[in-house]
Amino acid sequence: MGTDYIILGLLILSNRTIYQLRSRIDKGLNIMYSSSTGSIQAAIKKLLNNGYIDYRDIQDNGKKKKEYYITDAGRREFNNWINSPIDSAGIKCPELSKIYFMGFSKQENRFENTQEYITELKNKYDSLKMICDESGLFIRSINYDNLDNEAKDIIFYQLAAARFGRDLMSFAIKWYEQFLIEMRKCDE
């Protein structure tokens, strides 16, 4: 429901047409989720069906348009989402949407959820580090030398993905630990 939460957050800020939503998402939020008209329209339909948003017909330069706004149910859904721990299983970088809208969350949830996310990142880092360490041992073994080139190629890219994930987790852990320090200073 990634794009859905982006839309709910933007509609908390102001009522918008689909064009305005897409324009705003294109201005930096598209790093988190798709800003294609199709994905926005699908999210709008889902949000309407769930009762999280509604619309009113407006006239803009003589053209009839739908202006969307968030409902009370939509605010509750958004608040439940923004006050829950960060989910690392996203399409692009869902945690950025949490940070972008974190000013709407309860102060105590900010620290707790960020700390929980750091713990989750550390667990993922440990798993990826173990995979990288074991793979490194395997690559230096005689068994690896006996593999055909295709198998070596597959292992190389799988290990590269594991290394990338490990290094990404390492960066994210450091970044979020610093962010936690900055949050505490900001909220003093």
Foldseek 3Di string as FASTA:
>chain_A
DQVLLLVLLVLVVHWAFLVVSLVVCVPPVVLFDHSDSVVSVVSVVVCVVVQQKDWDWDADVNDTTTTIHGDPVVVVVSQVVLLAADDCPGDGGSVVVSVVRVVPHDLVSVLVNLVVVLVVLVVLLVVLVVVLVVLVVVCPDPVVVPDDPVVVVVSVVVSVVSVVSNVVSVVVSVVSVVVSVVSVVVVD
